[in-house]
Amino acid sequence: MKKTLSLAVLAAAVTLSPIAAAADRAYFIEPADGAAVPEEFTVRMGVDGLRVQPAGELAEGSGHHHLIVDGKPIEAGKPVPTDATHLHFGKGQTETTLKLPPGKHTLTLQFADGLHQSYGPGLSNTISVHVNDPLAVTPTVLEP
């Protein structure tokens, strides 16, 4: 009986561990949070604990990426809007080229199911990037 109780306690501890709870996540492979980027740059997206699959079919444990420019995560169960700031990757893409105007921007990665219904803030990730102004000139110091 003592061994059974010990195994039950161990199983409960593993189930409640932060590592097990944090298994499902959406994240940016690149760019890094706070990165300075050119006007046109590559965004690479990842997800752990779920499969990336094209939109159109509901399959448990799967979905696809959405990229929200200068916006916030979408509440769980709500559809991700279709507009200029909510980019859908319904073919299962994990990489894109993004072009933004100079200045500071936030990028929010939102994972959603096959019908574009958000998995919520728990499966989102927000970073900020600073898009460099291509016309900005760095002064050169000339030595006498």
N, C-alpha and C. Protein backbone atom coordinates (compact mmCIF):
# COMPACT_ATOMS: atom_id res chain seq x y z
N MET A 1 0.83 -1.20 0.00
CA MET A 1 0.00 0.00 0.00
C MET A 1 0.87 1.25 0.00
N LYS A 2 1.97 1.19 0.73
CA LYS A 2 2.84 2.35 0.81
C LYS A 2 3.43 2.70 -0.56
N LYS A 3 3.81 1.70 -1.36
CA LYS A 3 4.36 1.94 -2.70
C LYS A 3 3.30 2.54 -3.62
N THR A 4 2.08 2.07 -3.53
CA THR A 4 1.01 2.59 -4.37
C THR A 4 0.75 4.06 -4.07
N LEU A 5 0.74 4.39 -2.79
CA LEU A 5 0.53 5.78 -2.41
C LEU A 5 1.66 6.66 -2.92
N SER A 6 2.90 6.19 -2.83
CA SER A 6 4.05 6.96 -3.31
C SER A 6 3.97 7.20 -4.81
N LEU A 7 3.58 6.19 -5.57
CA LEU A 7 3.44 6.34 -7.01
C LEU A 7 2.32 7.33 -7.35
N ALA A 8 1.23 7.31 -6.60
CA ALA A 8 0.13 8.24 -6.85
C ALA A 8 0.58 9.68 -6.57
N VAL A 9 1.33 9.87 -5.50
CA VAL A 9 1.84 11.20 -5.18
C VAL A 9 2.80 11.67 -6.26
N LEU A 10 3.69 10.78 -6.73
CA LEU A 10 4.63 11.12 -7.79
C LEU A 10 3.87 11.48 -9.08
N ALA A 11 2.87 10.71 -9.42
CA ALA A 11 2.09 10.99 -10.63
C ALA A 11 1.39 12.34 -10.53
N ALA A 12 0.85 12.67 -9.37
CA ALA A 12 0.19 13.96 -9.18
C ALA A 12 1.20 15.10 -9.30
N ALA A 13 2.40 14.92 -8.77
CA ALA A 13 3.43 15.96 -8.83
C ALA A 13 3.85 16.21 -10.27
N VAL A 14 4.00 15.14 -11.06
CA VAL A 14 4.39 15.29 -12.46
C VAL A 14 3.27 16.00 -13.23
N THR A 15 2.01 15.64 -12.97
CA THR A 15 0.89 16.25 -13.65
C THR A 15 0.79 17.74 -13.37
N LEU A 16 1.11 18.15 -12.15
CA LEU A 16 0.99 19.54 -11.77
C LEU A 16 2.25 20.35 -11.99
N SER A 17 3.29 19.73 -12.52
CA SER A 17 4.55 20.45 -12.70
C SER A 17 4.42 21.53 -13.76
N PRO A 18 5.19 22.64 -13.62
CA PRO A 18 5.12 23.72 -14.60
C PRO A 18 5.55 23.26 -15.99
N ILE A 19 6.44 22.30 -16.08
CA ILE A 19 6.90 21.83 -17.38
C ILE A 19 5.75 21.18 -18.14
N ALA A 20 4.99 20.35 -17.47
CA ALA A 20 3.86 19.69 -18.13
C ALA A 20 2.79 20.71 -18.52
N ALA A 21 2.55 21.71 -17.67
CA ALA A 21 1.51 22.71 -17.94
C ALA A 21 1.89 23.63 -19.10
N ALA A 22 3.17 23.81 -19.34
CA ALA A 22 3.61 24.75 -20.37
C ALA A 22 3.94 24.08 -21.69
N ALA A 23 3.46 22.85 -21.91
CA ALA A 23 3.83 22.11 -23.11
C ALA A 23 3.27 22.73 -24.39
N ASP A 24 2.05 23.22 -24.35
CA ASP A 24 1.44 23.82 -25.54
C ASP A 24 1.79 25.30 -25.59
N ARG A 25 2.47 25.71 -26.66
CA ARG A 25 2.83 27.13 -26.79
C ARG A 25 3.07 27.48 -28.24
N ALA A 26 2.77 28.73 -28.56
CA ALA A 26 3.09 29.31 -29.87
C ALA A 26 4.23 30.29 -29.63
N TYR A 27 5.18 30.34 -30.56
CA TYR A 27 6.35 31.19 -30.34
C TYR A 27 6.94 31.64 -31.67
N PHE A 28 7.73 32.72 -31.59
CA PHE A 28 8.46 33.22 -32.74
C PHE A 28 9.84 32.58 -32.77
N ILE A 29 10.21 32.00 -33.88
CA ILE A 29 11.58 31.51 -34.08
C ILE A 29 12.45 32.71 -34.44
N GLU A 30 11.92 33.56 -35.31
CA GLU A 30 12.55 34.84 -35.62
C GLU A 30 11.50 35.79 -36.13
N PRO A 31 11.63 37.07 -35.88
CA PRO A 31 12.73 37.76 -35.21
C PRO A 31 12.63 37.61 -33.69
N ALA A 32 13.69 38.01 -33.02
CA ALA A 32 13.71 37.99 -31.56
C ALA A 32 12.93 39.20 -31.03
N ASP A 33 12.42 39.08 -29.82
CA ASP A 33 11.74 40.19 -29.18
C ASP A 33 12.70 41.37 -29.05
N GLY A 34 12.27 42.54 -29.46
CA GLY A 34 13.09 43.75 -29.38
C GLY A 34 14.05 43.94 -30.54
N ALA A 35 14.00 43.07 -31.54
CA ALA A 35 14.93 43.13 -32.67
C ALA A 35 14.72 44.38 -33.53
N ALA A 36 15.81 44.89 -34.07
CA ALA A 36 15.77 45.91 -35.11
C ALA A 36 15.76 45.17 -36.44
N VAL A 37 14.78 45.48 -37.28
CA VAL A 37 14.62 44.76 -38.55
C VAL A 37 14.50 45.76 -39.69
N PRO A 38 14.81 45.33 -40.92
CA PRO A 38 14.59 46.19 -42.08
C PRO A 38 13.09 46.27 -42.39
N GLU A 39 12.70 47.13 -43.32
CA GLU A 39 11.28 47.26 -43.68
C GLU A 39 10.67 45.93 -44.12
N GLU A 40 11.44 45.11 -44.79
CA GLU A 40 10.99 43.80 -45.22
C GLU A 40 11.83 42.76 -44.50
N PHE A 41 11.19 41.85 -43.77
CA PHE A 41 11.92 40.88 -42.97
C PHE A 41 11.15 39.57 -42.88
N THR A 42 11.86 38.53 -42.50
CA THR A 42 11.29 37.19 -42.39
C THR A 42 10.76 36.95 -40.99
N VAL A 43 9.58 36.36 -40.92
CA VAL A 43 8.99 35.93 -39.66
C VAL A 43 8.86 34.41 -39.74
N ARG A 44 9.44 33.72 -38.76
CA ARG A 44 9.33 32.26 -38.68
C ARG A 44 8.58 31.93 -37.40
N MET A 45 7.55 31.07 -37.51
CA MET A 45 6.63 30.78 -36.42
C MET A 45 6.73 29.31 -36.01
N GLY A 46 6.58 29.07 -34.70
CA GLY A 46 6.61 27.71 -34.20
C GLY A 46 5.48 27.45 -33.22
N VAL A 47 5.23 26.18 -32.98
CA VAL A 47 4.24 25.78 -31.98
C VAL A 47 4.70 24.45 -31.38
N ASP A 48 4.53 24.31 -30.09
CA ASP A 48 4.84 23.07 -29.39
C ASP A 48 3.55 22.49 -28.83
N GLY A 49 3.40 21.18 -28.90
CA GLY A 49 2.26 20.50 -28.31
C GLY A 49 1.07 20.34 -29.23
N LEU A 50 1.10 20.96 -30.40
CA LEU A 50 0.02 20.86 -31.38
C LEU A 50 0.61 20.67 -32.77
N ARG A 51 -0.20 20.17 -33.70
CA ARG A 51 0.24 19.99 -35.09
C ARG A 51 -0.22 21.17 -35.93
N VAL A 52 0.63 21.60 -36.84
CA VAL A 52 0.25 22.62 -37.82
C VAL A 52 -0.39 21.89 -38.99
N GLN A 53 -1.59 22.33 -39.33
CA GLN A 53 -2.30 21.71 -40.46
C GLN A 53 -3.16 22.77 -41.13
N PRO A 54 -3.41 22.63 -42.42
CA PRO A 54 -4.20 23.64 -43.13
C PRO A 54 -5.60 23.84 -42.54
N ALA A 55 -6.14 25.02 -42.75
CA ALA A 55 -7.49 25.34 -42.28
C ALA A 55 -8.53 24.56 -43.07
N GLY A 56 -9.74 24.54 -42.54
CA GLY A 56 -10.85 23.92 -43.24
C GLY A 56 -11.38 22.68 -42.57
N GLU A 57 -10.56 22.04 -41.76
CA GLU A 57 -10.98 20.82 -41.09
C GLU A 57 -10.65 20.92 -39.61
N LEU A 58 -11.60 20.55 -38.77
CA LEU A 58 -11.35 20.52 -37.33
C LEU A 58 -10.72 19.17 -36.98
N ALA A 59 -9.55 19.22 -36.43
CA ALA A 59 -8.88 18.00 -35.98
C ALA A 59 -8.27 18.30 -34.62
N GLU A 60 -8.61 17.51 -33.64
CA GLU A 60 -8.13 17.73 -32.28
C GLU A 60 -6.61 17.82 -32.25
N GLY A 61 -6.10 18.80 -31.50
CA GLY A 61 -4.65 18.94 -31.34
C GLY A 61 -3.95 19.56 -32.53
N SER A 62 -4.70 20.26 -33.38
CA SER A 62 -4.08 20.86 -34.55
C SER A 62 -4.66 22.24 -34.82
N GLY A 63 -4.02 22.95 -35.74
CA GLY A 63 -4.48 24.28 -36.13
C GLY A 63 -3.44 24.94 -37.01
N HIS A 64 -3.54 26.25 -37.10
CA HIS A 64 -2.60 26.99 -37.94
C HIS A 64 -2.34 28.36 -37.33
N HIS A 65 -1.31 29.03 -37.85
CA HIS A 65 -0.88 30.32 -37.32
C HIS A 65 -1.65 31.50 -37.90
N HIS A 66 -1.72 32.55 -37.09
CA HIS A 66 -2.21 33.87 -37.50
C HIS A 66 -1.23 34.87 -36.93
N LEU A 67 -0.97 35.92 -37.66
CA LEU A 67 -0.06 36.96 -37.22
C LEU A 67 -0.85 38.26 -37.14
N ILE A 68 -0.84 38.86 -35.96
CA ILE A 68 -1.58 40.09 -35.72
C ILE A 68 -0.57 41.22 -35.58
N VAL A 69 -0.67 42.21 -36.45
CA VAL A 69 0.26 43.34 -36.43
C VAL A 69 -0.36 44.46 -35.62
N ASP A 70 0.36 44.88 -34.59
CA ASP A 70 -0.07 45.97 -33.71
C ASP A 70 -1.46 45.72 -33.13
N GLY A 71 -1.70 44.50 -32.68
CA GLY A 71 -2.97 44.13 -32.06
C GLY A 71 -2.75 43.20 -30.89
N LYS A 72 -3.83 42.66 -30.37
CA LYS A 72 -3.79 41.82 -29.17
C LYS A 72 -4.25 40.41 -29.47
N PRO A 73 -3.94 39.46 -28.55
CA PRO A 73 -4.43 38.09 -28.72
C PRO A 73 -5.96 38.06 -28.80
N ILE A 74 -6.46 37.03 -29.41
CA ILE A 74 -7.91 36.85 -29.59
C ILE A 74 -8.42 35.90 -28.49
N GLU A 75 -9.54 36.25 -27.92
CA GLU A 75 -10.17 35.44 -26.87
C GLU A 75 -10.42 34.01 -27.40
N ALA A 76 -10.27 33.02 -26.52
CA ALA A 76 -10.48 31.62 -26.90
C ALA A 76 -11.89 31.43 -27.46
N GLY A 77 -11.98 30.69 -28.56
CA GLY A 77 -13.25 30.38 -29.19
C GLY A 77 -13.76 31.43 -30.16
N LYS A 78 -13.16 32.61 -30.15
CA LYS A 78 -13.57 33.68 -31.07
C LYS A 78 -12.83 33.52 -32.39
N PRO A 79 -13.49 33.82 -33.51
CA PRO A 79 -12.80 33.74 -34.81
C PRO A 79 -11.76 34.86 -34.94
N VAL A 80 -10.66 34.54 -35.60
CA VAL A 80 -9.64 35.54 -35.88
C VAL A 80 -10.16 36.38 -37.06
N PRO A 81 -10.25 37.71 -36.91
CA PRO A 81 -10.75 38.55 -38.00
C PRO A 81 -9.90 38.40 -39.27
N THR A 82 -10.50 38.73 -40.38
CA THR A 82 -9.79 38.77 -41.66
C THR A 82 -9.72 40.23 -42.09
N ASP A 83 -8.55 40.83 -41.91
CA ASP A 83 -8.33 42.21 -42.33
C ASP A 83 -6.83 42.43 -42.51
N ALA A 84 -6.44 43.66 -42.78
CA ALA A 84 -5.04 43.97 -43.10
C ALA A 84 -4.08 43.73 -41.93
N THR A 85 -4.59 43.70 -40.70
CA THR A 85 -3.68 43.51 -39.55
C THR A 85 -3.76 42.11 -38.95
N HIS A 86 -4.65 41.28 -39.45
CA HIS A 86 -4.77 39.88 -38.99
C HIS A 86 -4.46 38.97 -40.17
N LEU A 87 -3.23 38.49 -40.22
CA LEU A 87 -2.77 37.69 -41.36
C LEU A 87 -3.00 36.20 -41.07
N HIS A 88 -3.65 35.53 -41.99
CA HIS A 88 -3.98 34.11 -41.84
C HIS A 88 -3.00 33.25 -42.63
N PHE A 89 -2.57 32.16 -42.01
CA PHE A 89 -1.69 31.20 -42.67
C PHE A 89 -2.39 29.85 -42.74
N GLY A 90 -3.54 29.88 -43.41
CA GLY A 90 -4.43 28.74 -43.49
C GLY A 90 -3.95 27.58 -44.34
N LYS A 91 -2.84 27.74 -45.01
CA LYS A 91 -2.27 26.61 -45.76
C LYS A 91 -1.27 25.84 -44.91
N GLY A 92 -1.13 26.28 -43.66
CA GLY A 92 -0.20 25.61 -42.75
C GLY A 92 1.21 26.19 -42.81
N GLN A 93 1.35 27.39 -43.35
CA GLN A 93 2.68 28.01 -43.46
C GLN A 93 3.25 28.32 -42.07
N THR A 94 4.57 28.24 -41.97
CA THR A 94 5.26 28.57 -40.72
C THR A 94 6.29 29.68 -40.94
N GLU A 95 6.29 30.28 -42.12
CA GLU A 95 7.24 31.35 -42.43
C GLU A 95 6.58 32.31 -43.42
N THR A 96 6.91 33.60 -43.28
CA THR A 96 6.40 34.61 -44.19
C THR A 96 7.38 35.78 -44.25
N THR A 97 7.24 36.59 -45.27
CA THR A 97 7.99 37.84 -45.36
C THR A 97 7.00 38.95 -45.07
N LEU A 98 7.37 39.82 -44.14
CA LEU A 98 6.50 40.91 -43.71
C LEU A 98 7.15 42.23 -44.06
N LYS A 99 6.35 43.18 -44.52
CA LYS A 99 6.85 44.51 -44.83
C LYS A 99 6.05 45.51 -44.00
N LEU A 100 6.75 46.27 -43.15
CA LEU A 100 6.11 47.24 -42.27
C LEU A 100 6.77 48.60 -42.39
N PRO A 101 6.04 49.67 -42.10
CA PRO A 101 6.65 51.00 -42.13
C PRO A 101 7.62 51.17 -40.96
N PRO A 102 8.57 52.09 -41.08
CA PRO A 102 9.53 52.33 -40.01
C PRO A 102 8.83 52.68 -38.69
N GLY A 103 9.47 52.28 -37.60
CA GLY A 103 8.94 52.56 -36.26
C GLY A 103 8.78 51.30 -35.46
N LYS A 104 8.22 51.45 -34.26
CA LYS A 104 8.02 50.32 -33.35
C LYS A 104 6.68 49.65 -33.64
N HIS A 105 6.69 48.33 -33.67
CA HIS A 105 5.48 47.54 -33.93
C HIS A 105 5.45 46.34 -32.99
N THR A 106 4.24 45.87 -32.70
CA THR A 106 4.10 44.60 -32.00
C THR A 106 3.62 43.56 -32.99
N LEU A 107 4.08 42.34 -32.80
CA LEU A 107 3.64 41.19 -33.59
C LEU A 107 3.09 40.17 -32.61
N THR A 108 1.85 39.75 -32.83
CA THR A 108 1.24 38.74 -31.97
C THR A 108 0.97 37.51 -32.81
N LEU A 109 1.55 36.41 -32.38
CA LEU A 109 1.32 35.13 -33.03
C LEU A 109 0.13 34.49 -32.32
N GLN A 110 -0.90 34.12 -33.07
CA GLN A 110 -2.09 33.50 -32.48
C GLN A 110 -2.35 32.18 -33.18
N PHE A 111 -2.39 31.11 -32.42
CA PHE A 111 -2.70 29.80 -32.99
C PHE A 111 -4.21 29.59 -32.90
N ALA A 112 -4.79 29.03 -33.95
CA ALA A 112 -6.25 28.82 -34.00
C ALA A 112 -6.55 27.49 -34.68
N ASP A 113 -7.78 27.01 -34.49
CA ASP A 113 -8.17 25.71 -35.04
C ASP A 113 -8.46 25.80 -36.54
N GLY A 114 -8.91 24.71 -37.11
CA GLY A 114 -9.15 24.63 -38.54
C GLY A 114 -10.24 25.56 -39.06
N LEU A 115 -11.06 26.10 -38.15
CA LEU A 115 -12.11 27.04 -38.53
C LEU A 115 -11.74 28.47 -38.14
N HIS A 116 -10.46 28.71 -37.87
CA HIS A 116 -9.91 30.03 -37.51
C HIS A 116 -10.41 30.51 -36.15
N GLN A 117 -10.87 29.60 -35.29
CA GLN A 117 -11.29 29.97 -33.95
C GLN A 117 -10.07 29.91 -33.03
N SER A 118 -9.82 31.02 -32.36
CA SER A 118 -8.63 31.17 -31.54
C SER A 118 -8.57 30.14 -30.40
N TYR A 119 -7.35 29.69 -30.12
CA TYR A 119 -7.11 28.88 -28.92
C TYR A 119 -6.88 29.79 -27.72
N GLY A 120 -6.94 31.10 -27.90
CA GLY A 120 -6.85 32.05 -26.80
C GLY A 120 -5.45 32.53 -26.50
N PRO A 121 -5.34 33.46 -25.54
CA PRO A 121 -4.05 34.04 -25.19
C PRO A 121 -3.00 33.01 -24.75
N GLY A 122 -3.42 31.87 -24.24
CA GLY A 122 -2.47 30.83 -23.83
C GLY A 122 -1.69 30.26 -24.99
N LEU A 123 -2.23 30.35 -26.20
CA LEU A 123 -1.53 29.90 -27.39
C LEU A 123 -1.25 31.08 -28.31
N SER A 124 -0.76 32.16 -27.68
CA SER A 124 -0.33 33.32 -28.44
C SER A 124 1.00 33.79 -27.86
N ASN A 125 1.66 34.66 -28.58
CA ASN A 125 2.93 35.20 -28.12
C ASN A 125 3.10 36.56 -28.79
N THR A 126 3.44 37.57 -28.00
CA THR A 126 3.61 38.92 -28.53
C THR A 126 5.04 39.38 -28.34
N ILE A 127 5.62 39.92 -29.42
CA ILE A 127 6.95 40.51 -29.36
C ILE A 127 6.87 41.91 -29.95
N SER A 128 7.92 42.69 -29.73
CA SER A 128 8.00 43.99 -30.39
C SER A 128 9.23 44.00 -31.28
N VAL A 129 9.12 44.74 -32.36
CA VAL A 129 10.25 44.93 -33.28
C VAL A 129 10.34 46.41 -33.60
N HIS A 130 11.52 46.85 -33.96
CA HIS A 130 11.71 48.22 -34.42
C HIS A 130 12.16 48.15 -35.88
N VAL A 131 11.29 48.66 -36.75
CA VAL A 131 11.60 48.66 -38.18
C VAL A 131 12.46 49.88 -38.47
N ASN A 132 13.65 49.62 -38.99
CA ASN A 132 14.60 50.69 -39.30
C ASN A 132 14.12 51.53 -40.47
N ASP A 133 14.40 52.83 -40.41
CA ASP A 133 14.08 53.74 -41.50
C ASP A 133 15.22 53.65 -42.52
N PRO A 134 14.93 53.18 -43.74
CA PRO A 134 15.99 53.02 -44.73
C PRO A 134 16.60 54.35 -45.17
N LEU A 135 15.90 55.44 -44.91
CA LEU A 135 16.42 56.75 -45.32
C LEU A 135 17.26 57.41 -44.23
N ALA A 136 17.25 56.81 -43.05
CA ALA A 136 18.06 57.37 -41.96
C ALA A 136 19.53 57.18 -42.29
N VAL A 137 20.28 58.22 -42.13
CA VAL A 137 21.71 58.18 -42.45
C VAL A 137 22.49 58.20 -41.14
N THR A 138 23.39 57.26 -41.02
CA THR A 138 24.26 57.23 -39.86
C THR A 138 25.41 58.18 -40.11
N PRO A 139 25.61 59.17 -39.22
CA PRO A 139 26.70 60.12 -39.47
C PRO A 139 28.05 59.45 -39.38
N THR A 140 28.93 59.87 -40.24
CA THR A 140 30.29 59.36 -40.25
C THR A 140 31.20 60.43 -39.66
N VAL A 141 32.01 60.03 -38.71
CA VAL A 141 32.94 60.96 -38.09
C VAL A 141 34.27 60.87 -38.84
N LEU A 142 34.68 61.99 -39.39
CA LEU A 142 35.96 62.02 -40.11
C LEU A 142 37.04 62.54 -39.18
N GLU A 143 38.14 61.87 -39.18
CA GLU A 143 39.26 62.30 -38.33
C GLU A 143 40.10 63.32 -39.10
N PRO A 144 40.62 64.32 -38.39
CA PRO A 144 41.44 65.35 -39.08
C PRO A 144 42.76 64.80 -39.61
